[in-house]
Amino acid sequence: MKLKRSEYLQVVGLLALASTHSKALEDIEAAICKLVGEKPHEGAGEHVGDAIYAPHTADQMLERIDAQRKRDAKVKKK
């Protein structure tokens, strides 16, 4: 694909921005997981990731975390 120099520089800049943005989102996810007692990137933190990357509210996220913990507790009892 052939791009104009200015378009190429825009792509380079946007990719750099995406990398910085991605790192910031990882930091945000880790901070929220710490607050709610989840582990980021390990399945259990999926509710936090869902709230960040999908249109879920904080209340929805917390409800899902509570529901997951209740399900996990039932499984451990068996």
PDB file of N, CA and C in Angstrom:
ATOM      1  N   MET A   1       0.854  -1.180   0.000  1.00  0.00           N
ATOM      2  CA  MET A   1       0.000   0.000   0.000  1.00  0.00           C
ATOM      3  C   MET A   1       0.895   1.236   0.000  1.00  0.00           C
ATOM      4  N   LYS A   2       0.587   2.135  -0.854  1.00  0.00           N
ATOM      5  CA  LYS A   2       1.369   3.366  -0.979  1.00  0.00           C
ATOM      6  C   LYS A   2       0.621   4.503  -0.300  1.00  0.00           C
ATOM      7  N   LEU A   3       1.277   5.147   0.660  1.00  0.00           N
ATOM      8  CA  LEU A   3       0.697   6.291   1.371  1.00  0.00           C
ATOM      9  C   LEU A   3       1.519   7.537   1.091  1.00  0.00           C
ATOM     10  N   LYS A   4       0.867   8.659   1.174  1.00  0.00           N
ATOM     11  CA  LYS A   4       1.600   9.928   1.136  1.00  0.00           C
ATOM     12  C   LYS A   4       2.427  10.012   2.409  1.00  0.00           C
ATOM     13  N   ARG A   5       3.498  10.776   2.365  1.00  0.00           N
ATOM     14  CA  ARG A   5       4.374  10.924   3.544  1.00  0.00           C
ATOM     15  C   ARG A   5       3.571  11.389   4.752  1.00  0.00           C
ATOM     16  N   SER A   6       2.679  12.345   4.576  1.00  0.00           N
ATOM     17  CA  SER A   6       1.891  12.872   5.692  1.00  0.00           C
ATOM     18  C   SER A   6       0.961  11.798   6.258  1.00  0.00           C
ATOM     19  N   GLU A   7       0.402  10.950   5.402  1.00  0.00           N
ATOM     20  CA  GLU A   7      -0.468   9.864   5.869  1.00  0.00           C
ATOM     21  C   GLU A   7       0.348   8.824   6.638  1.00  0.00           C
ATOM     22  N   TYR A   8       1.549   8.526   6.135  1.00  0.00           N
ATOM     23  CA  TYR A   8       2.433   7.591   6.818  1.00  0.00           C
ATOM     24  C   TYR A   8       2.768   8.099   8.217  1.00  0.00           C
ATOM     25  N   LEU A   9       3.105   9.358   8.327  1.00  0.00           N
ATOM     26  CA  LEU A   9       3.437   9.932   9.630  1.00  0.00           C
ATOM     27  C   LEU A   9       2.226   9.917  10.567  1.00  0.00           C
ATOM     28  N   GLN A  10       1.040  10.098  10.026  1.00  0.00           N
ATOM     29  CA  GLN A  10      -0.172   9.998  10.837  1.00  0.00           C
ATOM     30  C   GLN A  10      -0.343   8.583  11.383  1.00  0.00           C
ATOM     31  N   VAL A  11      -0.106   7.579  10.540  1.00  0.00           N
ATOM     32  CA  VAL A  11      -0.210   6.183  10.972  1.00  0.00           C
ATOM     33  C   VAL A  11       0.813   5.901  12.073  1.00  0.00           C
ATOM     34  N   VAL A  12       2.039   6.333  11.878  1.00  0.00           N
ATOM     35  CA  VAL A  12       3.082   6.133  12.887  1.00  0.00           C
ATOM     36  C   VAL A  12       2.672   6.792  14.209  1.00  0.00           C
ATOM     37  N   GLY A  13       2.186   8.010  14.138  1.00  0.00           N
ATOM     38  CA  GLY A  13       1.764   8.725  15.344  1.00  0.00           C
ATOM     39  C   GLY A  13       0.580   8.060  16.030  1.00  0.00           C
ATOM     40  N   LEU A  14      -0.385   7.622  15.251  1.00  0.00           N
ATOM     41  CA  LEU A  14      -1.562   6.963  15.832  1.00  0.00           C
ATOM     42  C   LEU A  14      -1.194   5.633  16.483  1.00  0.00           C
ATOM     43  N   LEU A  15      -0.274   4.890  15.871  1.00  0.00           N
ATOM     44  CA  LEU A  15       0.167   3.634  16.484  1.00  0.00           C
ATOM     45  C   LEU A  15       0.918   3.891  17.791  1.00  0.00           C
ATOM     46  N   ALA A  16       1.722   4.946  17.830  1.00  0.00           N
ATOM     47  CA  ALA A  16       2.406   5.311  19.072  1.00  0.00           C
ATOM     48  C   ALA A  16       1.392   5.701  20.144  1.00  0.00           C
ATOM     49  N   LEU A  17       0.387   6.443  19.745  1.00  0.00           N
ATOM     50  CA  LEU A  17      -0.673   6.831  20.669  1.00  0.00           C
ATOM     51  C   LEU A  17      -1.429   5.599  21.170  1.00  0.00           C
ATOM     52  N   ALA A  18      -1.699   4.661  20.275  1.00  0.00           N
ATOM     53  CA  ALA A  18      -2.404   3.432  20.651  1.00  0.00           C
ATOM     54  C   ALA A  18      -1.599   2.646  21.683  1.00  0.00           C
ATOM     55  N   SER A  19      -0.303   2.581  21.511  1.00  0.00           N
ATOM     56  CA  SER A  19       0.553   1.868  22.457  1.00  0.00           C
ATOM     57  C   SER A  19       0.504   2.520  23.836  1.00  0.00           C
ATOM     58  N   THR A  20       0.588   3.833  23.865  1.00  0.00           N
ATOM     59  CA  THR A  20       0.511   4.572  25.131  1.00  0.00           C
ATOM     60  C   THR A  20      -0.863   4.399  25.764  1.00  0.00           C
ATOM     61  N   HIS A  21      -1.887   4.469  24.951  1.00  0.00           N
ATOM     62  CA  HIS A  21      -3.265   4.314  25.426  1.00  0.00           C
ATOM     63  C   HIS A  21      -3.474   2.912  26.003  1.00  0.00           C
ATOM     64  N   SER A  22      -2.950   1.912  25.314  1.00  0.00           N
ATOM     65  CA  SER A  22      -3.078   0.527  25.762  1.00  0.00           C
ATOM     66  C   SER A  22      -2.403   0.342  27.121  1.00  0.00           C
ATOM     67  N   LYS A  23      -1.228   0.896  27.293  1.00  0.00           N
ATOM     68  CA  LYS A  23      -0.519   0.800  28.576  1.00  0.00           C
ATOM     69  C   LYS A  23      -1.313   1.495  29.667  1.00  0.00           C
ATOM     70  N   ALA A  24      -1.888   2.641  29.375  1.00  0.00           N
ATOM     71  CA  ALA A  24      -2.695   3.359  30.366  1.00  0.00           C
ATOM     72  C   ALA A  24      -3.913   2.525  30.768  1.00  0.00           C
ATOM     73  N   LEU A  25      -4.558   1.872  29.807  1.00  0.00           N
ATOM     74  CA  LEU A  25      -5.714   1.021  30.114  1.00  0.00           C
ATOM     75  C   LEU A  25      -5.311  -0.167  30.978  1.00  0.00           C
ATOM     76  N   GLU A  26      -4.147  -0.750  30.729  1.00  0.00           N
ATOM     77  CA  GLU A  26      -3.652  -1.843  31.571  1.00  0.00           C
ATOM     78  C   GLU A  26      -3.439  -1.358  33.002  1.00  0.00           C
ATOM     79  N   ASP A  27      -2.862  -0.159  33.148  1.00  0.00           N
ATOM     80  CA  ASP A  27      -2.641   0.416  34.480  1.00  0.00           C
ATOM     81  C   ASP A  27      -3.963   0.689  35.189  1.00  0.00           C
ATOM     82  N   ILE A  28      -4.941   1.190  34.443  1.00  0.00           N
ATOM     83  CA  ILE A  28      -6.262   1.460  35.006  1.00  0.00           C
ATOM     84  C   ILE A  28      -6.914   0.155  35.450  1.00  0.00           C
ATOM     85  N   GLU A  29      -6.828  -0.868  34.604  1.00  0.00           N
ATOM     86  CA  GLU A  29      -7.403  -2.171  34.951  1.00  0.00           C
ATOM     87  C   GLU A  29      -6.759  -2.724  36.218  1.00  0.00           C
ATOM     88  N   ALA A  30      -5.439  -2.642  36.313  1.00  0.00           N
ATOM     89  CA  ALA A  30      -4.737  -3.142  37.495  1.00  0.00           C
ATOM     90  C   ALA A  30      -5.164  -2.385  38.752  1.00  0.00           C
ATOM     91  N   ALA A  31      -5.341  -1.081  38.643  1.00  0.00           N
ATOM     92  CA  ALA A  31      -5.753  -0.272  39.794  1.00  0.00           C
ATOM     93  C   ALA A  31      -7.167  -0.636  40.245  1.00  0.00           C
ATOM     94  N   ILE A  32      -8.079  -0.817  39.298  1.00  0.00           N
ATOM     95  CA  ILE A  32      -9.453  -1.197  39.652  1.00  0.00           C
ATOM     96  C   ILE A  32      -9.461  -2.598  40.256  1.00  0.00           C
ATOM     97  N   CYS A  33      -8.710  -3.525  39.666  1.00  0.00           N
ATOM     98  CA  CYS A  33      -8.644  -4.887  40.204  1.00  0.00           C
ATOM     99  C   CYS A  33      -8.143  -4.879  41.644  1.00  0.00           C
ATOM    100  N   LYS A  34      -7.168  -4.062  41.918  1.00  0.00           N
ATOM    101  CA  LYS A  34      -6.645  -3.963  43.288  1.00  0.00           C
ATOM    102  C   LYS A  34      -7.737  -3.472  44.242  1.00  0.00           C
ATOM    103  N   LEU A  35      -8.518  -2.517  43.798  1.00  0.00           N
ATOM    104  CA  LEU A  35      -9.589  -1.970  44.642  1.00  0.00           C
ATOM    105  C   LEU A  35     -10.692  -2.973  44.924  1.00  0.00           C
ATOM    106  N   VAL A  36     -11.027  -3.789  43.928  1.00  0.00           N
ATOM    107  CA  VAL A  36     -12.153  -4.719  44.085  1.00  0.00           C
ATOM    108  C   VAL A  36     -11.710  -6.146  44.388  1.00  0.00           C
ATOM    109  N   GLY A  37     -10.407  -6.362  44.530  1.00  0.00           N
ATOM    110  CA  GLY A  37      -9.906  -7.675  44.906  1.00  0.00           C
ATOM    111  C   GLY A  37      -9.858  -8.692  43.795  1.00  0.00           C
ATOM    112  N   GLU A  38      -9.700  -8.248  42.569  1.00  0.00           N
ATOM    113  CA  GLU A  38      -9.596  -9.143  41.417  1.00  0.00           C
ATOM    114  C   GLU A  38      -8.141  -9.174  40.952  1.00  0.00           C
ATOM    115  N   LYS A  39      -7.832 -10.156  40.110  1.00  0.00           N
ATOM    116  CA  LYS A  39      -6.506 -10.233  39.504  1.00  0.00           C
ATOM    117  C   LYS A  39      -6.642  -9.906  38.023  1.00  0.00           C
ATOM    118  N   PRO A  40      -5.907  -8.912  37.542  1.00  0.00           N
ATOM    119  CA  PRO A  40      -6.020  -8.560  36.125  1.00  0.00           C
ATOM    120  C   PRO A  40      -5.506  -9.676  35.213  1.00  0.00           C
ATOM    121  N   HIS A  41      -6.123  -9.828  34.078  1.00  0.00           N
ATOM    122  CA  HIS A  41      -5.705 -10.756  33.018  1.00  0.00           C
ATOM    123  C   HIS A  41      -5.752 -12.219  33.432  1.00  0.00           C
ATOM    124  N   GLU A  42      -6.506 -12.576  34.447  1.00  0.00           N
ATOM    125  CA  GLU A  42      -6.548 -13.981  34.875  1.00  0.00           C
ATOM    126  C   GLU A  42      -7.972 -14.478  35.005  1.00  0.00           C
ATOM    127  N   GLY A  43      -8.812 -14.205  34.056  1.00  0.00           N
ATOM    128  CA  GLY A  43     -10.170 -14.725  34.108  1.00  0.00           C
ATOM    129  C   GLY A  43     -11.013 -14.041  35.165  1.00  0.00           C
ATOM    130  N   ALA A  44     -10.537 -14.056  36.408  1.00  0.00           N
ATOM    131  CA  ALA A  44     -11.301 -13.423  37.483  1.00  0.00           C
ATOM    132  C   ALA A  44     -11.438 -11.924  37.238  1.00  0.00           C
ATOM    133  N   GLY A  45     -10.441 -11.322  36.618  1.00  0.00           N
ATOM    134  CA  GLY A  45     -10.482  -9.898  36.319  1.00  0.00           C
ATOM    135  C   GLY A  45     -11.256  -9.562  35.062  1.00  0.00           C
ATOM    136  N   GLU A  46     -11.912 -10.565  34.505  1.00  0.00           N
ATOM    137  CA  GLU A  46     -12.632 -10.333  33.255  1.00  0.00           C
ATOM    138  C   GLU A  46     -13.740  -9.310  33.419  1.00  0.00           C
ATOM    139  N   HIS A  47     -14.317  -9.205  34.594  1.00  0.00           N
ATOM    140  CA  HIS A  47     -15.399  -8.239  34.805  1.00  0.00           C
ATOM    141  C   HIS A  47     -14.863  -6.810  34.745  1.00  0.00           C
ATOM    142  N   VAL A  48     -13.677  -6.612  35.275  1.00  0.00           N
ATOM    143  CA  VAL A  48     -13.054  -5.287  35.203  1.00  0.00           C
ATOM    144  C   VAL A  48     -12.715  -4.960  33.749  1.00  0.00           C
ATOM    145  N   GLY A  49     -12.152  -5.916  33.043  1.00  0.00           N
ATOM    146  CA  GLY A  49     -11.841  -5.715  31.628  1.00  0.00           C
ATOM    147  C   GLY A  49     -13.092  -5.429  30.816  1.00  0.00           C
ATOM    148  N   ASP A  50     -14.173  -6.149  31.127  1.00  0.00           N
ATOM    149  CA  ASP A  50     -15.435  -5.901  30.435  1.00  0.00           C
ATOM    150  C   ASP A  50     -15.909  -4.472  30.675  1.00  0.00           C
ATOM    151  N   ALA A  51     -15.768  -4.001  31.901  1.00  0.00           N
ATOM    152  CA  ALA A  51     -16.224  -2.651  32.221  1.00  0.00           C
ATOM    153  C   ALA A  51     -15.379  -1.591  31.510  1.00  0.00           C
ATOM    154  N   ILE A  52     -14.122  -1.909  31.273  1.00  0.00           N
ATOM    155  CA  ILE A  52     -13.239  -0.957  30.590  1.00  0.00           C
ATOM    156  C   ILE A  52     -13.479  -0.964  29.085  1.00  0.00           C
ATOM    157  N   TYR A  53     -13.573  -2.146  28.507  1.00  0.00           N
ATOM    158  CA  TYR A  53     -13.606  -2.256  27.050  1.00  0.00           C
ATOM    159  C   TYR A  53     -15.006  -2.360  26.464  1.00  0.00           C
ATOM    160  N   ALA A  54     -15.999  -2.570  27.299  1.00  0.00           N
ATOM    161  CA  ALA A  54     -17.387  -2.640  26.838  1.00  0.00           C
ATOM    162  C   ALA A  54     -18.188  -1.589  27.618  1.00  0.00           C
ATOM    163  N   PRO A  55     -19.336  -1.254  27.149  1.00  0.00           N
ATOM    164  CA  PRO A  55     -20.108  -0.202  27.835  1.00  0.00           C
ATOM    165  C   PRO A  55     -20.811  -0.718  29.104  1.00  0.00           C
ATOM    166  N   HIS A  56     -20.020  -1.106  30.104  1.00  0.00           N
ATOM    167  CA  HIS A  56     -20.592  -1.546  31.380  1.00  0.00           C
ATOM    168  C   HIS A  56     -20.328  -0.473  32.420  1.00  0.00           C
ATOM    169  N   THR A  57     -21.308  -0.242  33.283  1.00  0.00           N
ATOM    170  CA  THR A  57     -21.131   0.747  34.343  1.00  0.00           C
ATOM    171  C   THR A  57     -20.410   0.102  35.523  1.00  0.00           C
ATOM    172  N   ALA A  58     -19.969   0.931  36.446  1.00  0.00           N
ATOM    173  CA  ALA A  58     -19.326   0.423  37.660  1.00  0.00           C
ATOM    174  C   ALA A  58     -20.286  -0.481  38.427  1.00  0.00           C
ATOM    175  N   ASP A  59     -21.552  -0.087  38.518  1.00  0.00           N
ATOM    176  CA  ASP A  59     -22.532  -0.911  39.227  1.00  0.00           C
ATOM    177  C   ASP A  59     -22.685  -2.276  38.579  1.00  0.00           C
ATOM    178  N   GLN A  60     -22.741  -2.318  37.260  1.00  0.00           N
ATOM    179  CA  GLN A  60     -22.855  -3.597  36.555  1.00  0.00           C
ATOM    180  C   GLN A  60     -21.627  -4.461  36.827  1.00  0.00           C
ATOM    181  N   MET A  61     -20.452  -3.844  36.795  1.00  0.00           N
ATOM    182  CA  MET A  61     -19.220  -4.573  37.050  1.00  0.00           C
ATOM    183  C   MET A  61     -19.228  -5.171  38.451  1.00  0.00           C
ATOM    184  N   LEU A  62     -19.583  -4.365  39.442  1.00  0.00           N
ATOM    185  CA  LEU A  62     -19.580  -4.841  40.827  1.00  0.00           C
ATOM    186  C   LEU A  62     -20.611  -5.945  41.035  1.00  0.00           C
ATOM    187  N   GLU A  63     -21.764  -5.825  40.405  1.00  0.00           N
ATOM    188  CA  GLU A  63     -22.786  -6.879  40.497  1.00  0.00           C
ATOM    189  C   GLU A  63     -22.255  -8.180  39.903  1.00  0.00           C
ATOM    190  N   ARG A  64     -21.559  -8.094  38.794  1.00  0.00           N
ATOM    191  CA  ARG A  64     -21.022  -9.291  38.145  1.00  0.00           C
ATOM    192  C   ARG A  64     -19.922  -9.925  38.992  1.00  0.00           C
ATOM    193  N   ILE A  65     -19.098  -9.096  39.616  1.00  0.00           N
ATOM    194  CA  ILE A  65     -18.059  -9.626  40.497  1.00  0.00           C
ATOM    195  C   ILE A  65     -18.698 -10.357  41.670  1.00  0.00           C
ATOM    196  N   ASP A  66     -19.712  -9.754  42.294  1.00  0.00           N
ATOM    197  CA  ASP A  66     -20.414 -10.402  43.405  1.00  0.00           C
ATOM    198  C   ASP A  66     -21.031 -11.726  42.973  1.00  0.00           C
ATOM    199  N   ALA A  67     -21.674 -11.741  41.827  1.00  0.00           N
ATOM    200  CA  ALA A  67     -22.298 -12.967  41.327  1.00  0.00           C
ATOM    201  C   ALA A  67     -21.244 -14.046  41.079  1.00  0.00           C
ATOM    202  N   GLN A  68     -20.104 -13.662  40.520  1.00  0.00           N
ATOM    203  CA  GLN A  68     -19.028 -14.619  40.263  1.00  0.00           C
ATOM    204  C   GLN A  68     -18.500 -15.183  41.572  1.00  0.00           C
ATOM    205  N   ARG A  69     -18.326 -14.340  42.562  1.00  0.00           N
ATOM    206  CA  ARG A  69     -17.828 -14.811  43.861  1.00  0.00           C
ATOM    207  C   ARG A  69     -18.815 -15.776  44.508  1.00  0.00           C
ATOM    208  N   LYS A  70     -20.107 -15.511  44.377  1.00  0.00           N
ATOM    209  CA  LYS A  70     -21.122 -16.419  44.922  1.00  0.00           C
ATOM    210  C   LYS A  70     -21.067 -17.765  44.203  1.00  0.00           C
ATOM    211  N   ARG A  71     -20.921 -17.744  42.877  1.00  0.00           N
ATOM    212  CA  ARG A  71     -20.820 -18.998  42.114  1.00  0.00           C
ATOM    213  C   ARG A  71     -19.567 -19.767  42.521  1.00  0.00           C
ATOM    214  N   ASP A  72     -18.460 -19.053  42.671  1.00  0.00           N
ATOM    215  CA  ASP A  72     -17.207 -19.694  43.063  1.00  0.00           C
ATOM    216  C   ASP A  72     -17.314 -20.314  44.461  1.00  0.00           C
ATOM    217  N   ALA A  73     -17.993 -19.627  45.375  1.00  0.00           N
ATOM    218  CA  ALA A  73     -18.173 -20.135  46.732  1.00  0.00           C
ATOM    219  C   ALA A  73     -19.011 -21.415  46.726  1.00  0.00           C
ATOM    220  N   LYS A  74     -20.033 -21.468  45.890  1.00  0.00           N
ATOM    221  CA  LYS A  74     -20.886 -22.666  45.792  1.00  0.00           C
ATOM    222  C   LYS A  74     -20.073 -23.850  45.267  1.00  0.00           C
ATOM    223  N   VAL A  75     -19.213 -23.589  44.288  1.00  0.00           N
ATOM    224  CA  VAL A  75     -18.402 -24.651  43.704  1.00  0.00           C
ATOM    225  C   VAL A  75     -17.418 -25.188  44.755  1.00  0.00           C
ATOM    226  N   LYS A  76     -16.833 -24.315  45.557  1.00  0.00           N
ATOM    227  CA  LYS A  76     -15.878 -24.741  46.582  1.00  0.00           C
ATOM    228  C   LYS A  76     -16.550 -25.577  47.663  1.00  0.00           C
ATOM    229  N   LYS A  77     -17.820 -25.310  47.952  1.00  0.00           N
ATOM    230  CA  LYS A  77     -18.546 -26.061  48.973  1.00  0.00           C
ATOM    231  C   LYS A  77     -18.786 -27.497  48.554  1.00  0.00           C
ATOM    232  N   LYS A  78     -18.887 -27.744  47.267  1.00  0.00           N
ATOM    233  CA  LYS A  78     -19.191 -29.092  46.764  1.00  0.00           C
ATOM    234  C   LYS A  78     -18.034 -30.024  46.867  1.00  0.00           C
TER     235      LYS A  78
END
